[in-house]
Amino acid sequence: MTVQELIVQLQEISDILGKDCEVYLMVDKGWPMQLSIAGTVDLQSVRSASGSSMASESDYSRPNKAFILGGVKVGYGCKEAWGLVQQ
C-alpha cells in the first residue's frame, strides 16, 4: 500500500464517520488485536537515528518506506475485518 492509497481509504472512512473518528491498528489475522497508533516514521529518519547499521539489511533496501507504529493493546479485533479488504 502506498501513502496515497492509505490517504484515499482514510478519506472514505472520514466521509462516512467524520474527521474525529478514532483510528486503530488491527494486527494478526489469526488472533486479532486492536492497537493504538503510536505514530508514523519514514525509513530515512530511522536510518539517520540508527546510523549505518541498517544499510545492509535487505528488508530496508528501498529508501521510500513509511511505517505506522503500533502502540498499546486496546482490545481484541475481529477476524471478519480481513474479509472486507483486498490483500
C-alpha atoms as a PDB file:
ATOM      1  CA  MET A   1       0.000   0.000   0.000  1.00  0.00           C
ATOM      2  CA  THR A   2       1.241   3.471  -0.812  1.00  0.00           C
ATOM      3  CA  VAL A   3       0.762   6.620   1.246  1.00  0.00           C
ATOM      4  CA  GLN A   4      -1.698   7.890  -1.381  1.00  0.00           C
ATOM      5  CA  GLU A   5      -3.734   4.666  -1.255  1.00  0.00           C
ATOM      6  CA  LEU A   6      -3.903   4.931   2.540  1.00  0.00           C
ATOM      7  CA  ILE A   7      -4.970   8.581   2.343  1.00  0.00           C
ATOM      8  CA  VAL A   8      -7.792   7.678  -0.088  1.00  0.00           C
ATOM      9  CA  GLN A   9      -9.064   4.889   2.159  1.00  0.00           C
ATOM     10  CA  LEU A  10      -8.912   7.053   5.289  1.00  0.00           C
ATOM     11  CA  GLN A  11     -10.711   9.866   3.452  1.00  0.00           C
ATOM     12  CA  GLU A  12     -13.518   7.459   2.503  1.00  0.00           C
ATOM     13  CA  ILE A  13     -13.888   6.454   6.163  1.00  0.00           C
ATOM     14  CA  SER A  14     -13.737  10.116   7.224  1.00  0.00           C
ATOM     15  CA  ASP A  15     -16.525  10.974   4.774  1.00  0.00           C
ATOM     16  CA  ILE A  16     -18.741   8.320   6.389  1.00  0.00           C
ATOM     17  CA  LEU A  17     -17.786   8.548  10.082  1.00  0.00           C
ATOM     18  CA  GLY A  18     -16.383  12.063  10.356  1.00  0.00           C
ATOM     19  CA  LYS A  19     -12.915  13.511  10.838  1.00  0.00           C
ATOM     20  CA  ASP A  20     -12.930  12.779  14.589  1.00  0.00           C
ATOM     21  CA  CYS A  21     -13.273   9.012  14.052  1.00  0.00           C
ATOM     22  CA  GLU A  22     -10.576   7.222  16.063  1.00  0.00           C
ATOM     23  CA  VAL A  23      -8.119   5.051  14.121  1.00  0.00           C
ATOM     24  CA  TYR A  24      -6.597   1.831  15.447  1.00  0.00           C
ATOM     25  CA  LEU A  25      -4.235  -0.739  14.033  1.00  0.00           C
ATOM     26  CA  MET A  26      -5.636  -4.275  13.879  1.00  0.00           C
ATOM     27  CA  VAL A  27      -2.949  -6.950  13.679  1.00  0.00           C
ATOM     28  CA  ASP A  28      -2.690 -10.732  13.429  1.00  0.00           C
ATOM     29  CA  LYS A  29      -5.460 -12.193  11.295  1.00  0.00           C
ATOM     30  CA  GLY A  30      -5.410 -15.442  13.300  1.00  0.00           C
ATOM     31  CA  TRP A  31      -5.685 -13.806  16.739  1.00  0.00           C
ATOM     32  CA  PRO A  32      -6.792 -10.228  16.004  1.00  0.00           C
ATOM     33  CA  MET A  33      -5.792  -7.481  18.399  1.00  0.00           C
ATOM     34  CA  GLN A  34      -6.508  -3.747  18.259  1.00  0.00           C
ATOM     35  CA  LEU A  35      -3.582  -1.446  18.959  1.00  0.00           C
ATOM     36  CA  SER A  36      -3.459   2.292  19.380  1.00  0.00           C
ATOM     37  CA  ILE A  37      -1.264   4.048  16.840  1.00  0.00           C
ATOM     38  CA  ALA A  38       1.942   5.338  18.405  1.00  0.00           C
ATOM     39  CA  GLY A  39       2.893   7.348  15.333  1.00  0.00           C
ATOM     40  CA  THR A  40       4.461   7.216  11.905  1.00  0.00           C
ATOM     41  CA  VAL A  41       8.063   7.330  10.729  1.00  0.00           C
ATOM     42  CA  ASP A  42       9.895   7.106   7.423  1.00  0.00           C
ATOM     43  CA  LEU A  43      12.864   4.840   6.765  1.00  0.00           C
ATOM     44  CA  GLN A  44      15.270   7.697   6.125  1.00  0.00           C
ATOM     45  CA  SER A  45      14.583   9.061   9.628  1.00  0.00           C
ATOM     46  CA  VAL A  46      15.116   5.605  11.137  1.00  0.00           C
ATOM     47  CA  ARG A  47      18.408   5.255   9.284  1.00  0.00           C
ATOM     48  CA  SER A  48      19.541   8.692  10.445  1.00  0.00           C
ATOM     49  CA  ALA A  49      18.709   7.863  14.045  1.00  0.00           C
ATOM     50  CA  SER A  50      20.382   4.436  13.994  1.00  0.00           C
ATOM     51  CA  GLY A  51      23.449   5.224  11.916  1.00  0.00           C
ATOM     52  CA  SER A  52      24.525   2.946   9.089  1.00  0.00           C
ATOM     53  CA  SER A  53      23.763  -0.333  10.884  1.00  0.00           C
ATOM     54  CA  MET A  54      20.593  -0.872   8.826  1.00  0.00           C
ATOM     55  CA  ALA A  55      22.058  -0.052   5.412  1.00  0.00           C
ATOM     56  CA  SER A  56      22.966  -3.649   4.532  1.00  0.00           C
ATOM     57  CA  GLU A  57      19.696  -5.262   5.609  1.00  0.00           C
ATOM     58  CA  SER A  58      17.742  -6.378   2.534  1.00  0.00           C
ATOM     59  CA  ASP A  59      14.345  -5.578   4.111  1.00  0.00           C
ATOM     60  CA  TYR A  60      15.388  -1.935   4.232  1.00  0.00           C
ATOM     61  CA  SER A  61      16.977  -1.639   0.797  1.00  0.00           C
ATOM     62  CA  ARG A  62      14.144   0.514  -0.615  1.00  0.00           C
ATOM     63  CA  PRO A  63      14.539   4.041   0.765  1.00  0.00           C
ATOM     64  CA  ASN A  64      10.927   5.129   0.211  1.00  0.00           C
ATOM     65  CA  LYS A  65       9.228   3.222   3.023  1.00  0.00           C
ATOM     66  CA  ALA A  66       6.980   4.562   5.750  1.00  0.00           C
ATOM     67  CA  PHE A  67       5.911   2.753   8.910  1.00  0.00           C
ATOM     68  CA  ILE A  68       2.798   3.001  11.080  1.00  0.00           C
ATOM     69  CA  LEU A  69       3.901   2.134  14.595  1.00  0.00           C
ATOM     70  CA  GLY A  70       1.605   0.140  16.839  1.00  0.00           C
ATOM     71  CA  GLY A  71       1.071   1.438  20.341  1.00  0.00           C
ATOM     72  CA  VAL A  72      -0.623  -0.256  23.276  1.00  0.00           C
ATOM     73  CA  LYS A  73      -3.179  -3.053  23.051  1.00  0.00           C
ATOM     74  CA  VAL A  74      -6.673  -1.639  23.456  1.00  0.00           C
ATOM     75  CA  GLY A  75      -8.746  -4.755  22.852  1.00  0.00           C
ATOM     76  CA  TYR A  76      -9.469  -7.745  20.691  1.00  0.00           C
ATOM     77  CA  GLY A  77     -10.098  -7.385  16.984  1.00  0.00           C
ATOM     78  CA  CYS A  78     -12.392  -9.402  14.734  1.00  0.00           C
ATOM     79  CA  LYS A  79     -11.418 -11.931  12.065  1.00  0.00           C
ATOM     80  CA  GLU A  80     -14.241 -10.726   9.827  1.00  0.00           C
ATOM     81  CA  ALA A  81     -12.394  -7.458   9.165  1.00  0.00           C
ATOM     82  CA  TRP A  82      -9.868  -9.228   6.919  1.00  0.00           C
ATOM     83  CA  GLY A  83     -12.718 -10.460   4.708  1.00  0.00           C
ATOM     84  CA  LEU A  84     -13.623  -6.841   3.949  1.00  0.00           C
ATOM     85  CA  VAL A  85     -10.255  -5.831   2.483  1.00  0.00           C
ATOM     86  CA  GLN A  86      -8.307  -6.966  -0.547  1.00  0.00           C
ATOM     87  CA  GLN A  87      -4.863  -8.215   0.351  1.00  0.00           C
END
